[in-house]
Amino acid sequence: MARLILSLKGRELDKFLLGKGKVVIGRVPDCDIKIDNPAISRRHAEIVCTEQGYTLNDMGSSNGTFLNGEPVKEPKLLKPGDVINIAKFELQFQDSPRAEVEKVLGGMDMEATMMVDAEAMAKAFQSAPSGTAGASGPRKLVVLKGEANVAELVIERDVITIGKEDTCDLVIKGFFLDKIEATLTSKQGKYYLRPFGGSVKVNDQKLEGEKILKVGDTFQVGKTIVAFT
């Protein structure tokens, strides 16, 4: 599972999961990774998932994009450990296999897992509130921990149902779960998670109403943890 670690002057600020399609880095709110700094262009750079891997492109930014200290003049294929420099900010690229993610989460106490996500997701596997989910290419739901009918679900329809009913798109196992616990609805490039049951949490908070998911967010249904990538 690929991710970016955002830091400034050696201080870690955030972490973002990368899925399929394109992720835009820039200053405006509709960027997938929003960095609110005047030295950052409105749409500064993009990372695109290709058959060869993730490539980095500069989008005609004013101050340039740098990869391992070198200016990016053409698309560059990213390797684990590469460092992207944008103004004074650094984005380190990591690409860990799914087994490693499961191993990390497997070492956490289930009762504490969402607390860890909420507090650190600058420090674990989800993104903080910076950027929206709108980007080209299909998004996915990735089951990080728990029981479900699939490990990954590509979001190819306007409405995805989540619950224990066999007819749901993402079937979550759990004795006390409702037939439909939540729906994920796509509207104009944004993805809205709406609870119907009582077990849905986002960032360790019970989901009371509709919420826009950002790339890298995780949510919990019963004892199952799912990432939006």
Protein backbone atom coordinates (compact mmCIF):
# COMPACT_ATOMS: atom_id res chain seq x y z
CA MET A 1 0.00 0.00 0.00
CA ALA A 2 1.56 3.25 -1.15
CA ARG A 3 1.50 6.40 0.97
CA LEU A 4 3.09 9.83 1.31
CA ILE A 5 4.50 11.22 4.54
CA LEU A 6 4.27 15.01 4.70
CA SER A 7 6.79 16.84 6.87
CA LEU A 8 8.14 20.32 7.45
CA LYS A 9 11.59 20.97 8.90
CA GLY A 10 11.80 17.38 10.14
CA ARG A 11 8.39 17.46 11.83
CA GLU A 12 5.87 14.97 10.52
CA LEU A 13 2.56 16.64 9.65
CA ASP A 14 0.44 14.07 7.86
CA LYS A 15 0.21 10.78 5.99
CA PHE A 16 -1.82 10.04 2.89
CA LEU A 17 -2.76 6.74 1.29
CA LEU A 18 -2.44 6.56 -2.50
CA GLY A 19 -4.98 4.64 -4.55
CA LYS A 20 -5.54 4.32 -8.27
CA GLY A 21 -5.94 7.31 -10.53
CA LYS A 22 -4.44 10.74 -9.96
CA VAL A 23 -3.67 12.65 -6.77
CA VAL A 24 -3.17 16.41 -7.09
CA ILE A 25 -1.01 18.36 -4.62
CA GLY A 26 -1.62 22.09 -4.30
CA ARG A 27 -3.01 25.04 -2.41
CA VAL A 28 -6.68 25.13 -3.42
CA PRO A 29 -9.33 23.20 -1.47
CA ASP A 30 -10.24 20.80 -4.27
CA CYS A 31 -6.73 19.33 -4.37
CA ASP A 32 -6.43 15.81 -3.00
CA ILE A 33 -3.49 16.89 -0.83
CA LYS A 34 -3.96 20.52 0.17
CA ILE A 35 -0.96 22.46 1.52
CA ASP A 36 -2.01 25.97 2.50
CA ASN A 37 1.16 27.93 1.87
CA PRO A 38 1.71 30.89 -0.51
CA ALA A 39 4.82 29.23 -1.97
CA ILE A 40 2.66 26.35 -3.21
CA SER A 41 0.91 26.81 -6.55
CA ARG A 42 -2.85 26.32 -6.83
CA ARG A 43 -2.23 22.95 -8.49
CA HIS A 44 1.43 22.32 -7.96
CA ALA A 45 2.15 18.66 -8.75
CA GLU A 46 0.41 15.37 -9.34
CA ILE A 47 1.08 11.70 -8.68
CA VAL A 48 -0.43 9.28 -11.17
CA CYS A 49 -0.84 5.53 -10.76
CA THR A 50 0.31 3.78 -13.94
CA GLU A 51 1.05 0.19 -14.95
CA GLN A 52 4.72 0.85 -14.16
CA GLY A 53 4.00 2.37 -10.74
CA TYR A 54 3.43 5.87 -9.35
CA THR A 55 4.81 8.77 -11.38
CA LEU A 56 5.40 12.35 -10.24
CA ASN A 57 4.65 15.30 -12.54
CA ASP A 58 5.09 19.02 -12.01
CA MET A 59 1.96 20.91 -13.11
CA GLY A 60 3.69 24.09 -14.25
CA SER A 61 4.20 25.34 -10.71
CA SER A 62 5.84 28.71 -10.02
CA ASN A 63 8.53 27.41 -7.66
CA GLY A 64 9.05 23.95 -9.11
CA THR A 65 8.85 20.40 -7.83
CA PHE A 66 11.97 18.49 -6.80
CA LEU A 67 12.62 14.77 -6.46
CA ASN A 68 15.60 13.83 -4.29
CA GLY A 69 16.94 17.35 -4.81
CA GLU A 70 16.60 17.34 -8.60
CA PRO A 71 14.01 19.46 -10.48
CA VAL A 72 11.18 17.50 -12.06
CA LYS A 73 11.04 18.45 -15.75
CA GLU A 74 9.25 15.32 -16.96
CA PRO A 75 7.28 12.47 -15.32
CA LYS A 76 9.44 10.58 -12.83
CA LEU A 77 8.76 7.07 -11.58
CA LEU A 78 8.74 7.00 -7.77
CA LYS A 79 10.66 4.44 -5.72
CA PRO A 80 10.18 3.65 -2.02
CA GLY A 81 12.14 6.17 0.02
CA ASP A 82 12.07 8.92 -2.61
CA VAL A 83 11.60 12.44 -1.23
CA ILE A 84 9.50 15.05 -3.05
CA ASN A 85 10.31 18.67 -2.19
CA ILE A 86 7.67 21.35 -2.70
CA ALA A 87 8.68 24.74 -1.28
CA LYS A 88 9.84 23.95 2.29
CA PHE A 89 7.70 20.82 2.53
CA GLU A 90 8.82 17.23 2.06
CA LEU A 91 6.72 14.28 0.94
CA GLN A 92 8.38 10.90 1.37
CA PHE A 93 7.04 8.13 -0.84
CA GLN A 94 6.55 4.71 0.74
CA ASP A 95 5.10 1.62 -0.88
CA SER A 96 4.50 -1.21 1.57
CA PRO A 97 2.81 -4.49 0.67
CA ARG A 98 -0.65 -5.07 2.11
CA ALA A 99 0.76 -7.79 4.39
CA GLU A 100 2.87 -5.16 6.14
CA VAL A 101 -0.17 -2.97 6.76
CA GLU A 102 -2.08 -5.91 8.18
CA LYS A 103 0.88 -6.80 10.38
CA VAL A 104 1.02 -3.27 11.81
CA LEU A 105 -2.70 -3.13 12.51
CA GLY A 106 -2.69 -6.70 13.78
CA GLY A 107 -0.35 -5.66 16.55
CA MET A 108 -2.86 -3.14 17.88
CA ASP A 109 -5.55 -3.85 20.42
CA MET A 110 -8.90 -3.76 18.61
CA GLU A 111 -10.42 -1.54 21.29
CA ALA A 112 -7.64 1.00 20.77
CA THR A 113 -7.29 0.81 17.00
CA MET A 114 -9.58 3.68 16.10
CA MET A 115 -8.08 5.81 18.87
CA VAL A 116 -4.68 5.32 17.25
CA ASP A 117 -6.13 6.24 13.87
CA ALA A 118 -7.84 9.37 15.13
CA GLU A 119 -4.86 10.72 17.02
CA ALA A 120 -2.15 9.85 14.57
CA MET A 121 -3.38 9.57 11.28
CA ALA A 122 -1.05 11.98 10.67
CA LYS A 123 0.79 8.97 12.28
CA ALA A 124 -0.81 5.90 10.77
CA PHE A 125 -2.74 5.16 7.58
CA GLN A 126 -5.29 7.90 6.99
CA SER A 127 -5.15 11.51 5.91
CA ALA A 128 -6.01 14.51 8.00
CA PRO A 129 -8.54 17.14 6.90
CA SER A 130 -6.69 18.54 3.93
CA GLY A 131 -8.05 17.91 0.50
CA THR A 132 -11.11 16.25 -0.96
CA ALA A 133 -11.66 12.95 -2.62
CA GLY A 134 -12.11 14.30 -6.12
CA ALA A 135 -9.53 12.87 -8.50
CA SER A 136 -9.52 10.92 -11.72
CA GLY A 137 -9.77 7.14 -11.69
CA PRO A 138 -11.87 4.89 -9.46
CA ARG A 139 -11.48 5.01 -5.70
CA LYS A 140 -11.34 1.88 -3.57
CA LEU A 141 -12.39 0.68 -0.15
CA VAL A 142 -9.59 -1.40 1.40
CA VAL A 143 -10.34 -3.62 4.39
CA LEU A 144 -7.46 -3.12 6.81
CA LYS A 145 -8.76 -5.28 9.63
CA GLY A 146 -11.81 -7.43 10.32
CA GLU A 147 -14.06 -9.68 8.27
CA ALA A 148 -15.63 -8.72 4.95
CA ASN A 149 -16.63 -10.39 1.70
CA VAL A 150 -13.72 -8.78 -0.20
CA ALA A 151 -10.30 -7.36 0.69
CA GLU A 152 -10.69 -4.44 -1.72
CA LEU A 153 -13.75 -2.94 -3.40
CA VAL A 154 -13.39 -0.64 -6.42
CA ILE A 155 -16.02 2.11 -6.28
CA GLU A 156 -17.62 1.88 -9.70
CA ARG A 157 -21.21 2.83 -8.84
CA ASP A 158 -22.86 5.96 -7.50
CA VAL A 159 -24.07 4.22 -4.33
CA ILE A 160 -22.20 1.52 -2.39
CA THR A 161 -24.03 -0.29 0.42
CA ILE A 162 -22.19 -1.51 3.52
CA GLY A 163 -23.64 -3.93 6.08
CA LYS A 164 -24.18 -7.56 6.99
CA GLU A 165 -26.89 -8.24 4.40
CA ASP A 166 -25.56 -10.57 1.69
CA THR A 167 -26.83 -8.21 -1.00
CA CYS A 168 -24.59 -5.33 0.23
CA ASP A 169 -21.62 -4.37 -1.92
CA LEU A 170 -19.32 -4.56 1.09
CA VAL A 171 -20.53 -7.27 3.45
CA ILE A 172 -19.22 -6.79 6.99
CA LYS A 173 -19.39 -9.68 9.42
CA GLY A 174 -20.76 -8.98 12.88
CA PHE A 175 -23.53 -10.44 15.02
CA PHE A 176 -24.91 -7.09 16.20
CA LEU A 177 -24.66 -5.22 12.90
CA ASP A 178 -27.67 -4.02 10.93
CA LYS A 179 -28.49 -5.31 7.47
CA ILE A 180 -27.34 -1.97 6.07
CA GLU A 181 -24.97 -0.01 8.31
CA ALA A 182 -23.98 2.71 5.84
CA THR A 183 -23.96 3.88 2.27
CA LEU A 184 -21.18 5.58 0.32
CA THR A 185 -22.55 7.91 -2.34
CA SER A 186 -20.59 9.60 -5.13
CA LYS A 187 -21.74 13.11 -6.06
CA GLN A 188 -19.76 15.40 -8.36
CA GLY A 189 -16.41 13.87 -7.47
CA LYS A 190 -17.03 13.77 -3.72
CA TYR A 191 -17.84 10.72 -1.62
CA TYR A 192 -20.40 10.90 1.19
CA LEU A 193 -20.57 8.28 3.95
CA ARG A 194 -24.01 8.11 5.57
CA PRO A 195 -24.76 5.87 8.59
CA PHE A 196 -27.94 3.84 8.93
CA GLY A 197 -26.86 1.55 11.76
CA GLY A 198 -25.34 2.53 15.06
CA SER A 199 -21.82 1.15 14.82
CA VAL A 200 -20.17 3.42 12.24
CA LYS A 201 -17.24 5.54 13.41
CA VAL A 202 -14.90 7.92 11.58
CA ASN A 203 -11.75 9.12 13.38
CA ASP A 204 -12.95 7.44 16.60
CA GLN A 205 -16.16 9.49 16.58
CA LYS A 206 -19.59 7.97 16.09
CA LEU A 207 -20.94 9.03 12.73
CA GLU A 208 -24.21 10.85 13.38
CA GLY A 209 -24.81 12.25 9.89
CA GLU A 210 -23.44 12.36 6.36
CA LYS A 211 -19.70 13.01 6.08
CA ILE A 212 -17.44 13.67 3.09
CA LEU A 213 -14.56 11.19 3.00
CA LYS A 214 -11.05 12.27 2.04
CA VAL A 215 -8.50 10.04 0.37
CA GLY A 216 -6.84 8.06 3.14
CA ASP A 217 -9.69 8.33 5.68
CA THR A 218 -10.56 5.19 7.61
CA PHE A 219 -13.89 4.26 9.08
CA GLN A 220 -15.00 1.47 11.39
CA VAL A 221 -18.11 -0.69 11.11
CA GLY A 222 -18.37 -3.02 14.06
CA LYS A 223 -14.88 -4.46 14.44
CA THR A 224 -13.92 -3.98 10.81
CA ILE A 225 -11.70 -1.08 9.71
CA VAL A 226 -11.86 0.16 6.12
CA ALA A 227 -9.67 2.71 4.32
CA PHE A 228 -10.91 5.01 1.55
CA THR A 229 -8.13 5.21 -1.06
